[in-house]
Amino acid sequence: MRGRGRTVASALADALAARPEAQASALTLAFAEACGPRLSREASARGLLKDGRLLVLASTAEWAAQIAVLERPLCDRVNARLGRTAVAGLEVRVAPERR
């Protein structure tokens, strides 16, 4: 039987959303799903800051600028995915270079 195509992030976010000890993982997966496959390869959520913003690391300054432009829709998708207001905004930074 074939169903609607779902991403791994979507299935994992559903499984983890109800578990209090897994809220950070659910948030990270919800962000990846909100971004879609292309953008999620260039950005990753690292956790909530004290002010309720989600810390996001982008691979380049160009991707950081793109994420900043998409801040409101991304936050809305993450919150809708989690079924609650978990993210007040984004703090986007460029990831340090890997050596």
PDB file of N, CA and C in Angstrom:
ATOM      1  N   MET A   1       0.847  -1.172   0.000  1.00  0.00           N
ATOM      2  CA  MET A   1       0.000   0.000   0.000  1.00  0.00           C
ATOM      3  C   MET A   1       0.893   1.235   0.000  1.00  0.00           C
ATOM      4  N   ARG A   2       0.609   2.163  -0.877  1.00  0.00           N
ATOM      5  CA  ARG A   2       1.399   3.378  -0.979  1.00  0.00           C
ATOM      6  C   ARG A   2       0.678   4.519  -0.310  1.00  0.00           C
ATOM      7  N   GLY A   3       1.439   5.304   0.408  1.00  0.00           N
ATOM      8  CA  GLY A   3       0.875   6.473   1.077  1.00  0.00           C
ATOM      9  C   GLY A   3       1.522   7.734   0.575  1.00  0.00           C
ATOM     10  N   ARG A   4       1.212   8.773   1.220  1.00  0.00           N
ATOM     11  CA  ARG A   4       1.806  10.065   0.906  1.00  0.00           C
ATOM     12  C   ARG A   4       3.293  10.007   1.240  1.00  0.00           C
ATOM     13  N   GLY A   5       4.132  10.478   0.347  1.00  0.00           N
ATOM     14  CA  GLY A   5       5.569  10.480   0.598  1.00  0.00           C
ATOM     15  C   GLY A   5       5.919  11.369   1.778  1.00  0.00           C
ATOM     16  N   ARG A   6       6.697  10.842   2.713  1.00  0.00           N
ATOM     17  CA  ARG A   6       7.118  11.606   3.890  1.00  0.00           C
ATOM     18  C   ARG A   6       8.632  11.556   3.983  1.00  0.00           C
ATOM     19  N   THR A   7       9.180  12.608   4.509  1.00  0.00           N
ATOM     20  CA  THR A   7      10.614  12.619   4.730  1.00  0.00           C
ATOM     21  C   THR A   7      10.930  11.886   6.034  1.00  0.00           C
ATOM     22  N   VAL A   8      12.166  11.487   6.183  1.00  0.00           N
ATOM     23  CA  VAL A   8      12.607  10.868   7.432  1.00  0.00           C
ATOM     24  C   VAL A   8      12.449  11.867   8.573  1.00  0.00           C
ATOM     25  N   ALA A   9      12.767  13.130   8.317  1.00  0.00           N
ATOM     26  CA  ALA A   9      12.632  14.160   9.349  1.00  0.00           C
ATOM     27  C   ALA A   9      11.192  14.260   9.834  1.00  0.00           C
ATOM     28  N   SER A  10      10.246  14.152   8.923  1.00  0.00           N
ATOM     29  CA  SER A  10       8.836  14.230   9.291  1.00  0.00           C
ATOM     30  C   SER A  10       8.431  13.058  10.176  1.00  0.00           C
ATOM     31  N   ALA A  11       8.821  11.866   9.801  1.00  0.00           N
ATOM     32  CA  ALA A  11       8.478  10.683  10.597  1.00  0.00           C
ATOM     33  C   ALA A  11       9.118  10.738  11.977  1.00  0.00           C
ATOM     34  N   LEU A  12      10.378  11.157  12.039  1.00  0.00           N
ATOM     35  CA  LEU A  12      11.058  11.252  13.331  1.00  0.00           C
ATOM     36  C   LEU A  12      10.471  12.361  14.198  1.00  0.00           C
ATOM     37  N   ALA A  13      10.124  13.481  13.595  1.00  0.00           N
ATOM     38  CA  ALA A  13       9.524  14.580  14.368  1.00  0.00           C
ATOM     39  C   ALA A  13       8.212  14.127  14.993  1.00  0.00           C
ATOM     40  N   ASP A  14       7.406  13.381  14.243  1.00  0.00           N
ATOM     41  CA  ASP A  14       6.156  12.843  14.795  1.00  0.00           C
ATOM     42  C   ASP A  14       6.430  11.911  15.970  1.00  0.00           C
ATOM     43  N   ALA A  15       7.402  11.039  15.819  1.00  0.00           N
ATOM     44  CA  ALA A  15       7.700  10.060  16.862  1.00  0.00           C
ATOM     45  C   ALA A  15       8.249  10.725  18.120  1.00  0.00           C
ATOM     46  N   LEU A  16       8.997  11.789  17.971  1.00  0.00           N
ATOM     47  CA  LEU A  16       9.655  12.421  19.111  1.00  0.00           C
ATOM     48  C   LEU A  16       8.839  13.545  19.753  1.00  0.00           C
ATOM     49  N   ALA A  17       7.863  14.069  19.041  1.00  0.00           N
ATOM     50  CA  ALA A  17       7.140  15.248  19.517  1.00  0.00           C
ATOM     51  C   ALA A  17       6.472  15.041  20.872  1.00  0.00           C
ATOM     52  N   ALA A  18       5.995  13.854  21.139  1.00  0.00           N
ATOM     53  CA  ALA A  18       5.268  13.606  22.387  1.00  0.00           C
ATOM     54  C   ALA A  18       6.176  13.248  23.557  1.00  0.00           C
ATOM     55  N   ARG A  19       7.447  13.101  23.320  1.00  0.00           N
ATOM     56  CA  ARG A  19       8.372  12.694  24.377  1.00  0.00           C
ATOM     57  C   ARG A  19       9.114  13.912  24.927  1.00  0.00           C
ATOM     58  N   PRO A  20       8.869  14.265  26.188  1.00  0.00           N
ATOM     59  CA  PRO A  20       9.504  15.467  26.759  1.00  0.00           C
ATOM     60  C   PRO A  20      11.024  15.445  26.675  1.00  0.00           C
ATOM     61  N   GLU A  21      11.627  14.295  26.854  1.00  0.00           N
ATOM     62  CA  GLU A  21      13.094  14.218  26.828  1.00  0.00           C
ATOM     63  C   GLU A  21      13.663  14.348  25.421  1.00  0.00           C
ATOM     64  N   ALA A  22      12.803  14.331  24.425  1.00  0.00           N
ATOM     65  CA  ALA A  22      13.265  14.396  23.042  1.00  0.00           C
ATOM     66  C   ALA A  22      12.847  15.698  22.357  1.00  0.00           C
ATOM     67  N   GLN A  23      12.450  16.707  23.110  1.00  0.00           N
ATOM     68  CA  GLN A  23      11.964  17.955  22.526  1.00  0.00           C
ATOM     69  C   GLN A  23      13.032  18.650  21.679  1.00  0.00           C
ATOM     70  N   ALA A  24      14.283  18.606  22.114  1.00  0.00           N
ATOM     71  CA  ALA A  24      15.347  19.254  21.336  1.00  0.00           C
ATOM     72  C   ALA A  24      15.516  18.566  19.986  1.00  0.00           C
ATOM     73  N   SER A  25      15.458  17.248  19.977  1.00  0.00           N
ATOM     74  CA  SER A  25      15.565  16.505  18.723  1.00  0.00           C
ATOM     75  C   SER A  25      14.371  16.775  17.823  1.00  0.00           C
ATOM     76  N   ALA A  26      13.181  16.827  18.404  1.00  0.00           N
ATOM     77  CA  ALA A  26      11.979  17.113  17.623  1.00  0.00           C
ATOM     78  C   ALA A  26      12.068  18.499  16.990  1.00  0.00           C
ATOM     79  N   LEU A  27      12.604  19.459  17.721  1.00  0.00           N
ATOM     80  CA  LEU A  27      12.757  20.818  17.210  1.00  0.00           C
ATOM     81  C   LEU A  27      13.732  20.839  16.030  1.00  0.00           C
ATOM     82  N   THR A  28      14.844  20.153  16.172  1.00  0.00           N
ATOM     83  CA  THR A  28      15.843  20.090  15.097  1.00  0.00           C
ATOM     84  C   THR A  28      15.253  19.452  13.846  1.00  0.00           C
ATOM     85  N   LEU A  29      14.519  18.376  14.018  1.00  0.00           N
ATOM     86  CA  LEU A  29      13.911  17.697  12.881  1.00  0.00           C
ATOM     87  C   LEU A  29      12.795  18.526  12.252  1.00  0.00           C
ATOM     88  N   ALA A  30      12.029  19.220  13.075  1.00  0.00           N
ATOM     89  CA  ALA A  30      10.975  20.092  12.549  1.00  0.00           C
ATOM     90  C   ALA A  30      11.588  21.215  11.714  1.00  0.00           C
ATOM     91  N   PHE A  31      12.735  21.744  12.153  1.00  0.00           N
ATOM     92  CA  PHE A  31      13.408  22.783  11.382  1.00  0.00           C
ATOM     93  C   PHE A  31      13.878  22.222  10.041  1.00  0.00           C
ATOM     94  N   ALA A  32      14.464  21.033  10.039  1.00  0.00           N
ATOM     95  CA  ALA A  32      14.928  20.424   8.786  1.00  0.00           C
ATOM     96  C   ALA A  32      13.765  20.218   7.820  1.00  0.00           C
ATOM     97  N   GLU A  33      12.632  19.785   8.342  1.00  0.00           N
ATOM     98  CA  GLU A  33      11.461  19.590   7.489  1.00  0.00           C
ATOM     99  C   GLU A  33      10.942  20.927   6.973  1.00  0.00           C
ATOM    100  N   ALA A  34      10.931  21.953   7.819  1.00  0.00           N
ATOM    101  CA  ALA A  34      10.456  23.277   7.407  1.00  0.00           C
ATOM    102  C   ALA A  34      11.325  23.857   6.294  1.00  0.00           C
ATOM    103  N   CYS A  35      12.613  23.562   6.344  1.00  0.00           N
ATOM    104  CA  CYS A  35      13.550  24.071   5.333  1.00  0.00           C
ATOM    105  C   CYS A  35      13.405  23.377   3.989  1.00  0.00           C
ATOM    106  N   GLY A  36      13.093  22.114   4.012  1.00  0.00           N
ATOM    107  CA  GLY A  36      13.090  21.329   2.784  1.00  0.00           C
ATOM    108  C   GLY A  36      14.467  20.756   2.533  1.00  0.00           C
ATOM    109  N   PRO A  37      14.575  19.825   1.587  1.00  0.00           N
ATOM    110  CA  PRO A  37      15.838  19.105   1.389  1.00  0.00           C
ATOM    111  C   PRO A  37      17.024  19.975   0.993  1.00  0.00           C
ATOM    112  N   ARG A  38      16.826  20.940   0.105  1.00  0.00           N
ATOM    113  CA  ARG A  38      17.961  21.756  -0.371  1.00  0.00           C
ATOM    114  C   ARG A  38      18.511  22.659   0.726  1.00  0.00           C
ATOM    115  N   LEU A  39      17.631  23.407   1.371  1.00  0.00           N
ATOM    116  CA  LEU A  39      18.075  24.340   2.397  1.00  0.00           C
ATOM    117  C   LEU A  39      18.598  23.617   3.635  1.00  0.00           C
ATOM    118  N   SER A  40      18.017  22.470   3.962  1.00  0.00           N
ATOM    119  CA  SER A  40      18.471  21.745   5.157  1.00  0.00           C
ATOM    120  C   SER A  40      19.876  21.173   4.983  1.00  0.00           C
ATOM    121  N   ARG A  41      20.359  21.080   3.737  1.00  0.00           N
ATOM    122  CA  ARG A  41      21.758  20.675   3.527  1.00  0.00           C
ATOM    123  C   ARG A  41      22.718  21.817   3.825  1.00  0.00           C
ATOM    124  N   GLU A  42      22.209  23.034   3.829  1.00  0.00           N
ATOM    125  CA  GLU A  42      23.039  24.226   4.015  1.00  0.00           C
ATOM    126  C   GLU A  42      22.894  24.866   5.388  1.00  0.00           C
ATOM    127  N   ALA A  43      21.921  24.401   6.180  1.00  0.00           N
ATOM    128  CA  ALA A  43      21.674  25.010   7.488  1.00  0.00           C
ATOM    129  C   ALA A  43      21.240  23.948   8.485  1.00  0.00           C
ATOM    130  N   SER A  44      21.582  24.175   9.749  1.00  0.00           N
ATOM    131  CA  SER A  44      21.159  23.234  10.786  1.00  0.00           C
ATOM    132  C   SER A  44      20.795  23.994  12.057  1.00  0.00           C
ATOM    133  N   ALA A  45      19.761  23.508  12.717  1.00  0.00           N
ATOM    134  CA  ALA A  45      19.329  24.093  13.987  1.00  0.00           C
ATOM    135  C   ALA A  45      20.198  23.530  15.090  1.00  0.00           C
ATOM    136  N   ARG A  46      20.595  24.387  16.022  1.00  0.00           N
ATOM    137  CA  ARG A  46      21.468  23.958  17.119  1.00  0.00           C
ATOM    138  C   ARG A  46      20.809  24.000  18.476  1.00  0.00           C
ATOM    139  N   GLY A  47      19.647  24.632  18.598  1.00  0.00           N
ATOM    140  CA  GLY A  47      18.948  24.669  19.874  1.00  0.00           C
ATOM    141  C   GLY A  47      18.338  26.027  20.131  1.00  0.00           C
ATOM    142  N   LEU A  48      17.499  26.079  21.162  1.00  0.00           N
ATOM    143  CA  LEU A  48      16.840  27.321  21.527  1.00  0.00           C
ATOM    144  C   LEU A  48      17.720  28.174  22.420  1.00  0.00           C
ATOM    145  N   LEU A  49      17.709  29.461  22.160  1.00  0.00           N
ATOM    146  CA  LEU A  49      18.397  30.414  23.021  1.00  0.00           C
ATOM    147  C   LEU A  49      17.439  30.820  24.142  1.00  0.00           C
ATOM    148  N   LYS A  50      17.956  31.482  25.156  1.00  0.00           N
ATOM    149  CA  LYS A  50      17.138  31.872  26.310  1.00  0.00           C
ATOM    150  C   LYS A  50      15.955  32.758  25.935  1.00  0.00           C
ATOM    151  N   ASP A  51      16.095  33.537  24.871  1.00  0.00           N
ATOM    152  CA  ASP A  51      15.013  34.441  24.470  1.00  0.00           C
ATOM    153  C   ASP A  51      13.984  33.786  23.551  1.00  0.00           C
ATOM    154  N   GLY A  52      14.110  32.477  23.320  1.00  0.00           N
ATOM    155  CA  GLY A  52      13.133  31.753  22.508  1.00  0.00           C
ATOM    156  C   GLY A  52      13.452  31.675  21.031  1.00  0.00           C
ATOM    157  N   ARG A  53      14.571  32.285  20.632  1.00  0.00           N
ATOM    158  CA  ARG A  53      14.978  32.183  19.230  1.00  0.00           C
ATOM    159  C   ARG A  53      15.745  30.893  19.012  1.00  0.00           C
ATOM    160  N   LEU A  54      15.643  30.361  17.812  1.00  0.00           N
ATOM    161  CA  LEU A  54      16.333  29.136  17.434  1.00  0.00           C
ATOM    162  C   LEU A  54      17.685  29.499  16.817  1.00  0.00           C
ATOM    163  N   LEU A  55      18.752  28.942  17.352  1.00  0.00           N
ATOM    164  CA  LEU A  55      20.086  29.163  16.795  1.00  0.00           C
ATOM    165  C   LEU A  55      20.245  28.283  15.563  1.00  0.00           C
ATOM    166  N   VAL A  56      20.569  28.916  14.438  1.00  0.00           N
ATOM    167  CA  VAL A  56      20.732  28.217  13.167  1.00  0.00           C
ATOM    168  C   VAL A  56      22.116  28.529  12.623  1.00  0.00           C
ATOM    169  N   LEU A  57      22.847  27.495  12.237  1.00  0.00           N
ATOM    170  CA  LEU A  57      24.145  27.670  11.599  1.00  0.00           C
ATOM    171  C   LEU A  57      24.002  27.422  10.106  1.00  0.00           C
ATOM    172  N   ALA A  58      24.459  28.389   9.312  1.00  0.00           N
ATOM    173  CA  ALA A  58      24.418  28.288   7.857  1.00  0.00           C
ATOM    174  C   ALA A  58      25.820  28.020   7.334  1.00  0.00           C
ATOM    175  N   SER A  59      25.905  27.352   6.197  1.00  0.00           N
ATOM    176  CA  SER A  59      27.205  26.981   5.645  1.00  0.00           C
ATOM    177  C   SER A  59      27.978  28.176   5.089  1.00  0.00           C
ATOM    178  N   THR A  60      27.274  29.201   4.603  1.00  0.00           N
ATOM    179  CA  THR A  60      27.930  30.394   4.049  1.00  0.00           C
ATOM    180  C   THR A  60      27.129  31.641   4.426  1.00  0.00           C
ATOM    181  N   ALA A  61      27.738  32.798   4.218  1.00  0.00           N
ATOM    182  CA  ALA A  61      27.048  34.061   4.482  1.00  0.00           C
ATOM    183  C   ALA A  61      25.849  34.232   3.553  1.00  0.00           C
ATOM    184  N   GLU A  62      25.954  33.732   2.330  1.00  0.00           N
ATOM    185  CA  GLU A  62      24.842  33.833   1.377  1.00  0.00           C
ATOM    186  C   GLU A  62      23.641  33.030   1.854  1.00  0.00           C
ATOM    187  N   TRP A  63      23.888  31.824   2.350  1.00  0.00           N
ATOM    188  CA  TRP A  63      22.789  31.013   2.876  1.00  0.00           C
ATOM    189  C   TRP A  63      22.228  31.627   4.159  1.00  0.00           C
ATOM    190  N   ALA A  64      23.072  32.213   4.971  1.00  0.00           N
ATOM    191  CA  ALA A  64      22.600  32.881   6.192  1.00  0.00           C
ATOM    192  C   ALA A  64      21.649  34.023   5.824  1.00  0.00           C
ATOM    193  N   ALA A  65      21.983  34.785   4.792  1.00  0.00           N
ATOM    194  CA  ALA A  65      21.123  35.877   4.346  1.00  0.00           C
ATOM    195  C   ALA A  65      19.787  35.339   3.832  1.00  0.00           C
ATOM    196  N   GLN A  66      19.825  34.239   3.107  1.00  0.00           N
ATOM    197  CA  GLN A  66      18.594  33.636   2.582  1.00  0.00           C
ATOM    198  C   GLN A  66      17.694  33.150   3.716  1.00  0.00           C
ATOM    199  N   ILE A  67      18.298  32.536   4.727  1.00  0.00           N
ATOM    200  CA  ILE A  67      17.527  32.050   5.880  1.00  0.00           C
ATOM    201  C   ILE A  67      16.915  33.228   6.634  1.00  0.00           C
ATOM    202  N   ALA A  68      17.666  34.308   6.772  1.00  0.00           N
ATOM    203  CA  ALA A  68      17.141  35.496   7.453  1.00  0.00           C
ATOM    204  C   ALA A  68      15.914  36.042   6.734  1.00  0.00           C
ATOM    205  N   VAL A  69      15.921  36.021   5.414  1.00  0.00           N
ATOM    206  CA  VAL A  69      14.773  36.477   4.630  1.00  0.00           C
ATOM    207  C   VAL A  69      13.563  35.564   4.873  1.00  0.00           C
ATOM    208  N   LEU A  70      13.814  34.287   5.061  1.00  0.00           N
ATOM    209  CA  LEU A  70      12.742  33.299   5.244  1.00  0.00           C
ATOM    210  C   LEU A  70      12.388  33.059   6.712  1.00  0.00           C
ATOM    211  N   GLU A  71      12.875  33.909   7.602  1.00  0.00           N
ATOM    212  CA  GLU A  71      12.703  33.680   9.039  1.00  0.00           C
ATOM    213  C   GLU A  71      11.248  33.429   9.438  1.00  0.00           C
ATOM    214  N   ARG A  72      10.342  34.325   9.096  1.00  0.00           N
ATOM    215  CA  ARG A  72       8.949  34.192   9.553  1.00  0.00           C
ATOM    216  C   ARG A  72       8.290  32.916   9.025  1.00  0.00           C
ATOM    217  N   PRO A  73       8.373  32.621   7.715  1.00  0.00           N
ATOM    218  CA  PRO A  73       7.743  31.381   7.243  1.00  0.00           C
ATOM    219  C   PRO A  73       8.365  30.128   7.862  1.00  0.00           C
ATOM    220  N   LEU A  74       9.679  30.144   8.065  1.00  0.00           N
ATOM    221  CA  LEU A  74      10.325  28.979   8.686  1.00  0.00           C
ATOM    222  C   LEU A  74       9.848  28.794  10.126  1.00  0.00           C
ATOM    223  N   CYS A  75       9.776  29.874  10.885  1.00  0.00           N
ATOM    224  CA  CYS A  75       9.288  29.790  12.270  1.00  0.00           C
ATOM    225  C   CYS A  75       7.844  29.294  12.306  1.00  0.00           C
ATOM    226  N   ASP A  76       7.029  29.812  11.407  1.00  0.00           N
ATOM    227  CA  ASP A  76       5.628  29.385  11.353  1.00  0.00           C
ATOM    228  C   ASP A  76       5.529  27.883  11.058  1.00  0.00           C
ATOM    229  N   ARG A  77       6.336  27.391  10.123  1.00  0.00           N
ATOM    230  CA  ARG A  77       6.304  25.953   9.783  1.00  0.00           C
ATOM    231  C   ARG A  77       6.787  25.096  10.942  1.00  0.00           C
ATOM    232  N   VAL A  78       7.850  25.532  11.608  1.00  0.00           N
ATOM    233  CA  VAL A  78       8.363  24.776  12.754  1.00  0.00           C
ATOM    234  C   VAL A  78       7.306  24.714  13.853  1.00  0.00           C
ATOM    235  N   ASN A  79       6.717  25.840  14.186  1.00  0.00           N
ATOM    236  CA  ASN A  79       5.698  25.884  15.234  1.00  0.00           C
ATOM    237  C   ASN A  79       4.473  25.046  14.867  1.00  0.00           C
ATOM    238  N   ALA A  80       4.066  25.106  13.606  1.00  0.00           N
ATOM    239  CA  ALA A  80       2.927  24.301  13.160  1.00  0.00           C
ATOM    240  C   ALA A  80       3.262  22.814  13.251  1.00  0.00           C
ATOM    241  N   ARG A  81       4.471  22.469  12.886  1.00  0.00           N
ATOM    242  CA  ARG A  81       4.908  21.062  12.921  1.00  0.00           C
ATOM    243  C   ARG A  81       4.889  20.535  14.344  1.00  0.00           C
ATOM    244  N   LEU A  82       5.309  21.370  15.298  1.00  0.00           N
ATOM    245  CA  LEU A  82       5.368  20.950  16.691  1.00  0.00           C
ATOM    246  C   LEU A  82       4.018  21.083  17.394  1.00  0.00           C
ATOM    247  N   GLY A  83       3.090  21.808  16.789  1.00  0.00           N
ATOM    248  CA  GLY A  83       1.775  21.977  17.382  1.00  0.00           C
ATOM    249  C   GLY A  83       1.735  22.954  18.544  1.00  0.00           C
ATOM    250  N   ARG A  84       2.746  23.792  18.634  1.00  0.00           N
ATOM    251  CA  ARG A  84       2.808  24.797  19.697  1.00  0.00           C
ATOM    252  C   ARG A  84       3.791  25.878  19.268  1.00  0.00           C
ATOM    253  N   THR A  85       3.769  26.997  19.963  1.00  0.00           N
ATOM    254  CA  THR A  85       4.729  28.057  19.669  1.00  0.00           C
ATOM    255  C   THR A  85       6.005  27.757  20.439  1.00  0.00           C
ATOM    256  N   ALA A  86       6.971  27.203  19.752  1.00  0.00           N
ATOM    257  CA  ALA A  86       8.239  26.829  20.369  1.00  0.00           C
ATOM    258  C   ALA A  86       9.358  27.782  19.967  1.00  0.00           C
ATOM    259  N   VAL A  87       9.210  28.413  18.803  1.00  0.00           N
ATOM    260  CA  VAL A  87      10.268  29.251  18.248  1.00  0.00           C
ATOM    261  C   VAL A  87       9.730  30.669  18.038  1.00  0.00           C
ATOM    262  N   ALA A  88      10.389  31.642  18.672  1.00  0.00           N
ATOM    263  CA  ALA A  88       9.972  33.041  18.543  1.00  0.00           C
ATOM    264  C   ALA A  88      10.635  33.727  17.359  1.00  0.00           C
ATOM    265  N   GLY A  89      11.754  33.221  16.910  1.00  0.00           N
ATOM    266  CA  GLY A  89      12.510  33.802  15.809  1.00  0.00           C
ATOM    267  C   GLY A  89      13.764  32.980  15.572  1.00  0.00           C
ATOM    268  N   LEU A  90      14.616  33.463  14.697  1.00  0.00           N
ATOM    269  CA  LEU A  90      15.860  32.771  14.380  1.00  0.00           C
ATOM    270  C   LEU A  90      17.059  33.663  14.678  1.00  0.00           C
ATOM    271  N   GLU A  91      18.114  33.052  15.158  1.00  0.00           N
ATOM    272  CA  GLU A  91      19.431  33.699  15.284  1.00  0.00           C
ATOM    273  C   GLU A  91      20.316  32.949  14.296  1.00  0.00           C
ATOM    274  N   VAL A  92      20.604  33.572  13.167  1.00  0.00           N
ATOM    275  CA  VAL A  92      21.345  32.901  12.094  1.00  0.00           C
ATOM    276  C   VAL A  92      22.801  33.329  12.144  1.00  0.00           C
ATOM    277  N   ARG A  93      23.670  32.337  12.163  1.00  0.00           N
ATOM    278  CA  ARG A  93      25.115  32.578  12.159  1.00  0.00           C
ATOM    279  C   ARG A  93      25.759  31.710  11.093  1.00  0.00           C
ATOM    280  N   VAL A  94      26.910  32.147  10.629  1.00  0.00           N
ATOM    281  CA  VAL A  94      27.670  31.348   9.674  1.00  0.00           C
ATOM    282  C   VAL A  94      28.518  30.352  10.453  1.00  0.00           C
ATOM    283  N   ALA A  95      28.457  29.105  10.070  1.00  0.00           N
ATOM    284  CA  ALA A  95      29.209  28.053  10.749  1.00  0.00           C
ATOM    285  C   ALA A  95      30.699  28.265  10.547  1.00  0.00           C
ATOM    286  N   PRO A  96      31.488  27.962  11.561  1.00  0.00           N
ATOM    287  CA  PRO A  96      32.937  28.079  11.387  1.00  0.00           C
ATOM    288  C   PRO A  96      33.436  27.076  10.359  1.00  0.00           C
ATOM    289  N   GLU A  97      34.496  27.457   9.674  1.00  0.00           N
ATOM    290  CA  GLU A  97      35.063  26.552   8.675  1.00  0.00           C
ATOM    291  C   GLU A  97      35.603  25.291   9.312  1.00  0.00           C
ATOM    292  N   ARG A  98      35.406  24.181   8.624  1.00  0.00           N
ATOM    293  CA  ARG A  98      35.963  22.910   9.108  1.00  0.00           C
ATOM    294  C   ARG A  98      37.366  22.756   8.568  1.00  0.00           C
ATOM    295  N   ARG A  99      38.215  22.210   9.382  1.00  0.00           N
ATOM    296  CA  ARG A  99      39.602  22.004   8.943  1.00  0.00           C
ATOM    297  C   ARG A  99      39.871  20.571   8.680  1.00  0.00           C
TER     298      ARG A  99
END
